[in-house]
Amino acid sequence: MPRTYNMTKRRNTVAKTKESIIAATESLLTNGSLTDLTLQAIADNAGVTVQTVLRHMGSREGCLVAVAKVFLERVDTQRGHTEPGDLDAAISSVLDHYETESGLVLNLIEQAGTGEAFASQAVENGRKYHRNWVKRCSGPLYLS
């Protein structure tokens, strides 16, 4: 009797591996320098090989882009649904956001001036998001 191949299990394993690589990259990015963020460091932190990181993410840049995407999704979940004009909710959501995300944000701000393109772009994107968020949340109270 031939053995059947369980694609659901494989798909779940692939997803978990990718999540592990992204989490490892984010942890390293939060706690260290971008110059120290190597494929080997990501692989070691994720418990996989460099080849596995490359297979899933394509490159070091692919790892960084994936972290940025996941981070933006979290930020949008934390702050993106504040109703215009509800300043109490806006303040509460931004404080919660800073409480959970400040390590990564502060580390990237610190590195933005070092010539690391990823840090500079991430900080600029964060500033744009924040300015637009403030305008939206303050609604009719916003004075340009």
Protein backbone atom coordinates (compact mmCIF):
# COMPACT_ATOMS: atom_id res chain seq x y z
CA MET A 1 0.00 0.00 0.00
CA PRO A 2 1.54 3.35 -1.03
CA ARG A 3 2.02 6.02 1.61
CA THR A 4 0.05 9.22 1.06
CA TYR A 5 1.75 12.55 1.31
CA ASN A 6 0.12 14.94 3.77
CA MET A 7 0.34 18.39 2.19
CA THR A 8 -1.53 20.03 5.09
CA LYS A 9 1.15 18.97 7.55
CA ARG A 10 3.88 20.12 5.18
CA ARG A 11 2.16 23.48 4.61
CA ASN A 12 1.89 23.99 8.38
CA THR A 13 5.55 23.10 8.87
CA VAL A 14 6.60 25.54 6.14
CA ALA A 15 4.48 28.30 7.71
CA LYS A 16 5.93 27.65 11.17
CA THR A 17 9.47 27.71 9.81
CA LYS A 18 8.84 31.01 8.05
CA GLU A 19 7.29 32.49 11.21
CA SER A 20 10.31 31.31 13.20
CA ILE A 21 12.69 32.99 10.76
CA ILE A 22 10.72 36.24 10.87
CA ALA A 23 10.57 36.16 14.68
CA ALA A 24 14.32 35.47 14.87
CA THR A 25 15.04 38.38 12.51
CA GLU A 26 12.81 40.71 14.50
CA SER A 27 14.41 39.68 17.79
CA LEU A 28 17.89 40.32 16.42
CA LEU A 29 16.73 43.61 14.91
CA THR A 30 15.20 44.70 18.22
CA ASN A 31 18.20 43.80 20.33
CA GLY A 32 21.20 44.47 18.15
CA SER A 33 22.81 46.26 15.28
CA LEU A 34 21.81 45.82 11.67
CA THR A 35 25.45 45.23 10.84
CA ASP A 36 25.38 42.16 13.09
CA LEU A 37 22.21 40.86 11.47
CA THR A 38 23.65 38.13 9.26
CA LEU A 39 21.98 35.18 7.63
CA GLN A 40 23.96 32.93 9.99
CA ALA A 41 22.71 34.85 13.04
CA ILE A 42 19.12 34.62 11.79
CA ALA A 43 19.46 30.91 11.09
CA ASP A 44 21.03 30.22 14.49
CA ASN A 45 18.34 32.22 16.28
CA ALA A 46 15.58 30.46 14.33
CA GLY A 47 17.09 27.00 14.83
CA VAL A 48 17.45 26.35 11.10
CA THR A 49 20.23 26.42 8.53
CA VAL A 50 21.25 29.37 6.38
CA GLN A 51 20.01 27.42 3.36
CA THR A 52 16.57 27.16 4.98
CA VAL A 53 16.51 30.91 5.58
CA LEU A 54 17.43 31.50 1.94
CA ARG A 55 14.83 29.00 0.71
CA HIS A 56 12.05 30.73 2.66
CA MET A 57 13.11 34.38 2.49
CA GLY A 58 15.43 34.65 -0.50
CA SER A 59 17.98 36.90 1.20
CA ARG A 60 18.79 38.97 4.26
CA GLU A 61 16.74 41.76 2.68
CA GLY A 62 13.85 39.34 2.32
CA CYS A 63 14.00 38.72 6.06
CA LEU A 64 13.95 42.46 6.77
CA VAL A 65 11.05 43.08 4.39
CA ALA A 66 9.08 40.26 6.05
CA VAL A 67 9.68 41.79 9.50
CA ALA A 68 8.56 45.19 8.22
CA LYS A 69 5.36 43.65 6.82
CA VAL A 70 4.54 41.78 10.03
CA PHE A 71 5.37 44.84 12.11
CA LEU A 72 3.12 47.10 10.02
CA GLU A 73 0.28 44.60 10.36
CA ARG A 74 0.71 44.67 14.16
CA VAL A 75 0.83 48.47 14.22
CA ASP A 76 -2.30 48.65 12.11
CA THR A 77 -4.05 46.22 14.47
CA GLN A 78 -2.98 48.28 17.48
CA ARG A 79 -3.59 51.75 16.08
CA GLY A 80 -5.27 51.59 12.71
CA HIS A 81 -8.87 51.41 13.85
CA THR A 82 -9.09 54.39 16.17
CA GLU A 83 -12.16 56.43 15.30
CA PRO A 84 -11.53 59.99 14.14
CA GLY A 85 -12.07 62.43 16.98
CA ASP A 86 -11.81 59.79 19.75
CA LEU A 87 -8.70 61.21 21.37
CA ASP A 88 -8.98 59.05 24.51
CA ALA A 89 -8.89 55.90 22.37
CA ALA A 90 -6.08 57.35 20.26
CA ILE A 91 -3.94 58.08 23.30
CA SER A 92 -4.66 54.67 24.78
CA SER A 93 -3.81 52.85 21.55
CA VAL A 94 -0.58 54.77 20.97
CA LEU A 95 0.55 54.14 24.55
CA ASP A 96 -0.19 50.42 24.17
CA HIS A 97 1.68 50.45 20.87
CA TYR A 98 4.73 52.16 22.38
CA GLU A 99 4.69 49.76 25.31
CA THR A 100 4.87 46.70 23.07
CA GLU A 101 6.90 47.99 20.11
CA SER A 102 9.28 50.59 21.51
CA GLY A 103 12.34 48.31 21.57
CA LEU A 104 12.35 47.77 17.83
CA VAL A 105 11.34 51.33 17.01
CA LEU A 106 14.00 52.93 19.22
CA ASN A 107 16.69 50.60 17.91
CA LEU A 108 15.83 51.48 14.31
CA ILE A 109 15.74 55.22 15.10
CA GLU A 110 19.18 54.92 16.66
CA GLN A 111 20.53 53.18 13.55
CA ALA A 112 18.78 55.37 10.95
CA GLY A 113 21.66 57.82 10.86
CA THR A 114 24.34 55.18 10.35
CA GLY A 115 23.79 54.76 6.63
CA GLU A 116 21.75 51.56 6.96
CA ALA A 117 19.13 52.00 4.26
CA PHE A 118 16.64 49.64 5.90
CA ALA A 119 16.68 51.55 9.20
CA SER A 120 16.36 54.92 7.47
CA GLN A 121 13.46 53.75 5.31
CA ALA A 122 11.70 52.05 8.24
CA VAL A 123 11.96 55.20 10.36
CA GLU A 124 10.69 57.39 7.53
CA ASN A 125 7.77 55.01 6.93
CA GLY A 126 7.02 55.07 10.66
CA ARG A 127 7.00 58.87 10.71
CA LYS A 128 4.64 58.99 7.72
CA TYR A 129 2.31 56.44 9.32
CA HIS A 130 2.30 58.39 12.60
CA ARG A 131 1.62 61.76 10.93
CA ASN A 132 -1.27 60.30 8.93
CA TRP A 133 -2.59 58.51 12.01
CA VAL A 134 -2.54 61.74 14.05
CA LYS A 135 -4.38 63.60 11.29
CA ARG A 136 -7.00 60.85 11.02
CA CYS A 137 -7.49 60.42 14.77
CA SER A 138 -7.73 64.12 15.53
CA GLY A 139 -10.32 64.41 12.78
CA PRO A 140 -12.03 67.78 12.81
CA LEU A 141 -9.72 68.99 15.58
CA TYR A 142 -6.66 68.80 13.31
CA LEU A 143 -5.24 72.14 12.25
CA SER A 144 -2.85 71.90 9.31
